[in-house]
N, C-alpha and C. Protein backbone atom coordinates (compact mmCIF):
# COMPACT_ATOMS: atom_id res chain seq x y z
N MET A 1 8.16 -3.26 -50.59
CA MET A 1 7.97 -3.07 -49.02
C MET A 1 6.93 -4.18 -48.63
N SER A 2 7.15 -5.30 -47.94
CA SER A 2 6.47 -6.12 -47.61
C SER A 2 5.67 -6.08 -45.98
N SER A 3 4.47 -6.17 -46.01
CA SER A 3 3.63 -6.40 -44.44
C SER A 3 3.81 -7.29 -43.90
N GLN A 4 4.95 -7.68 -43.03
CA GLN A 4 5.00 -8.63 -42.08
C GLN A 4 3.88 -8.63 -41.28
N LEU A 5 4.08 -10.23 -41.21
CA LEU A 5 2.41 -10.75 -39.97
C LEU A 5 2.60 -11.07 -38.53
N TYR A 6 2.57 -11.16 -37.46
CA TYR A 6 3.32 -11.29 -36.11
C TYR A 6 2.09 -11.82 -35.63
N PRO A 7 2.33 -12.63 -35.01
CA PRO A 7 1.37 -13.83 -34.54
C PRO A 7 0.95 -13.31 -32.97
N PHE A 8 -0.53 -13.28 -32.82
CA PHE A 8 -0.52 -12.55 -31.56
C PHE A 8 -2.01 -13.24 -31.09
N ARG A 9 -1.67 -13.75 -29.25
CA ARG A 9 -2.53 -14.11 -28.91
C ARG A 9 -3.51 -13.37 -27.86
N ILE A 10 -4.96 -13.60 -28.28
CA ILE A 10 -5.89 -12.67 -27.68
C ILE A 10 -6.71 -13.33 -26.66
N HIS A 11 -6.54 -13.17 -25.20
CA HIS A 11 -7.53 -13.51 -24.44
C HIS A 11 -8.26 -12.68 -23.79
N PHE A 12 -9.43 -13.26 -23.09
CA PHE A 12 -10.99 -12.94 -23.27
C PHE A 12 -11.06 -12.67 -21.74
N HIS A 13 -12.01 -11.83 -21.12
CA HIS A 13 -12.33 -12.08 -19.95
C HIS A 13 -13.67 -12.87 -19.62
N ASP A 14 -13.99 -13.38 -20.77
CA ASP A 14 -14.84 -14.49 -20.34
C ASP A 14 -14.43 -16.15 -20.69
N PRO A 15 -14.31 -16.58 -18.98
CA PRO A 15 -13.46 -17.84 -19.39
C PRO A 15 -13.89 -19.02 -19.86
N ASP A 16 -14.93 -18.91 -20.52
CA ASP A 16 -15.58 -20.05 -21.55
C ASP A 16 -14.90 -19.58 -22.81
N LEU A 17 -14.51 -18.27 -23.50
CA LEU A 17 -13.92 -18.13 -24.26
C LEU A 17 -12.41 -18.21 -24.12
N PRO A 18 -12.06 -19.59 -25.01
CA PRO A 18 -10.88 -19.75 -25.39
C PRO A 18 -9.93 -18.75 -26.17
N PRO A 19 -8.51 -18.43 -25.59
CA PRO A 19 -7.51 -17.57 -26.66
C PRO A 19 -7.52 -17.98 -27.57
N LEU A 20 -7.40 -16.66 -28.70
CA LEU A 20 -7.71 -16.95 -29.93
C LEU A 20 -6.33 -16.30 -30.22
N ASP A 21 -5.55 -17.19 -31.41
CA ASP A 21 -4.69 -17.07 -32.10
C ASP A 21 -5.13 -16.39 -33.71
N ILE A 22 -3.95 -15.04 -33.78
CA ILE A 22 -4.28 -14.27 -34.84
C ILE A 22 -2.84 -14.18 -35.56
N GLU A 23 -2.57 -14.13 -36.76
CA GLU A 23 -1.52 -13.59 -37.40
C GLU A 23 -1.86 -12.28 -38.00
N ALA A 24 -1.69 -11.11 -37.96
CA ALA A 24 -2.04 -9.71 -37.88
C ALA A 24 -0.64 -8.73 -38.30
N PRO A 25 -0.83 -7.56 -38.76
CA PRO A 25 0.43 -7.00 -38.78
C PRO A 25 0.68 -6.01 -37.26
N CYS A 26 -0.40 -5.73 -36.63
CA CYS A 26 -0.30 -5.19 -35.23
C CYS A 26 -1.33 -5.55 -34.68
N VAL A 27 -1.72 -5.29 -33.36
CA VAL A 27 -2.21 -5.31 -32.64
C VAL A 27 -3.61 -4.61 -32.33
N ALA A 28 -3.79 -3.97 -33.24
CA ALA A 28 -5.11 -2.92 -33.33
C ALA A 28 -5.85 -3.81 -34.43
N ASP A 29 -5.01 -4.34 -35.30
CA ASP A 29 -5.42 -5.33 -36.55
C ASP A 29 -6.42 -6.80 -35.87
N ALA A 30 -5.20 -7.26 -34.78
CA ALA A 30 -5.29 -8.22 -34.12
C ALA A 30 -6.61 -8.12 -33.44
N ARG A 31 -6.97 -7.00 -32.63
CA ARG A 31 -8.33 -7.06 -32.11
C ARG A 31 -9.25 -6.75 -32.54
N LYS A 32 -9.08 -6.22 -33.66
CA LYS A 32 -10.07 -6.15 -34.86
C LYS A 32 -10.72 -7.61 -35.21
N VAL A 33 -9.84 -8.24 -35.67
CA VAL A 33 -10.49 -9.70 -35.88
C VAL A 33 -10.89 -10.39 -35.11
N ALA A 34 -10.57 -10.51 -33.94
CA ALA A 34 -10.72 -11.24 -32.40
C ALA A 34 -12.03 -10.72 -32.27
N ILE A 35 -12.34 -9.14 -32.54
CA ILE A 35 -13.88 -8.87 -32.18
C ILE A 35 -14.91 -9.53 -33.28
N GLU A 36 -14.65 -9.52 -34.45
CA GLU A 36 -15.23 -9.63 -35.95
C GLU A 36 -15.25 -11.84 -35.48
N ARG A 37 -14.73 -12.09 -35.43
CA ARG A 37 -14.64 -13.95 -34.98
C ARG A 37 -15.41 -14.31 -33.68
N ARG A 38 -15.27 -13.33 -32.47
CA ARG A 38 -15.33 -14.05 -31.23
C ARG A 38 -17.10 -13.01 -31.10
N ASN A 39 -17.48 -12.09 -32.21
CA ASN A 39 -18.65 -11.66 -31.67
C ASN A 39 -18.48 -10.66 -30.43
N VAL A 40 -17.88 -10.51 -30.14
CA VAL A 40 -17.91 -9.74 -28.44
C VAL A 40 -17.44 -7.79 -28.68
N THR A 41 -17.53 -7.42 -27.54
CA THR A 41 -17.53 -5.98 -28.27
C THR A 41 -15.59 -5.59 -27.64
N GLU A 42 -15.54 -4.72 -27.53
CA GLU A 42 -13.37 -4.44 -27.31
C GLU A 42 -12.98 -4.58 -25.86
N GLY A 43 -14.69 -4.43 -25.28
CA GLY A 43 -14.11 -4.40 -23.65
C GLY A 43 -14.02 -5.74 -23.39
N ALA A 44 -14.86 -7.04 -24.38
CA ALA A 44 -14.23 -7.97 -23.75
C ALA A 44 -13.10 -8.68 -23.84
N ILE A 45 -12.31 -8.29 -24.42
CA ILE A 45 -10.62 -8.44 -24.56
C ILE A 45 -10.09 -7.93 -23.02
N ARG A 46 -9.48 -9.11 -22.57
CA ARG A 46 -8.50 -9.05 -21.63
C ARG A 46 -7.20 -8.25 -21.80
N LYS A 47 -6.61 -8.95 -22.85
CA LYS A 47 -4.90 -8.98 -22.83
C LYS A 47 -4.88 -9.57 -24.60
N VAL A 48 -3.65 -8.52 -25.35
CA VAL A 48 -3.29 -9.40 -26.50
C VAL A 48 -1.72 -9.44 -26.16
N LYS A 49 -1.28 -10.52 -26.32
CA LYS A 49 0.46 -10.31 -26.33
C LYS A 49 1.02 -11.15 -27.87
N ILE A 50 1.83 -11.01 -27.72
CA ILE A 50 2.37 -11.26 -29.19
C ILE A 50 3.17 -12.71 -28.48
N ILE A 51 3.05 -13.34 -29.94
CA ILE A 51 3.37 -15.10 -29.12
C ILE A 51 5.19 -14.92 -30.04
N ARG A 52 5.82 -15.44 -28.67
CA ARG A 52 7.52 -15.51 -28.99
C ARG A 52 7.88 -16.98 -28.83
N GLU A 53 8.07 -17.42 -29.93
CA GLU A 53 9.25 -18.52 -30.46
C GLU A 53 10.23 -18.85 -29.15
N LYS A 54 10.11 -20.31 -28.48
CA LYS A 54 11.13 -20.63 -27.58
C LYS A 54 12.35 -21.11 -27.95
N ALA A 55 13.96 -20.11 -27.77
CA ALA A 55 14.56 -20.87 -28.67
C ALA A 55 15.14 -22.37 -28.25
N ASN A 56 15.05 -22.87 -28.95
CA ASN A 56 16.05 -24.23 -28.68
C ASN A 56 17.57 -23.83 -27.84
N GLY A 57 17.86 -24.99 -27.15
CA GLY A 57 18.64 -24.93 -26.20
C GLY A 57 20.35 -24.46 -26.45
């Protein structure tokens, strides 16, 4: 059984911090990576969304 990664976009409350795109197996792991990469607390994260590709016509 292989572990599938999903693309997440993490948005922060601070407008000076741009959103961060991360591939992770779950939301919790994506949050952990974002906290480490941006050196912020968990409360600094405003939302985490899965990036969905737009289907071509």
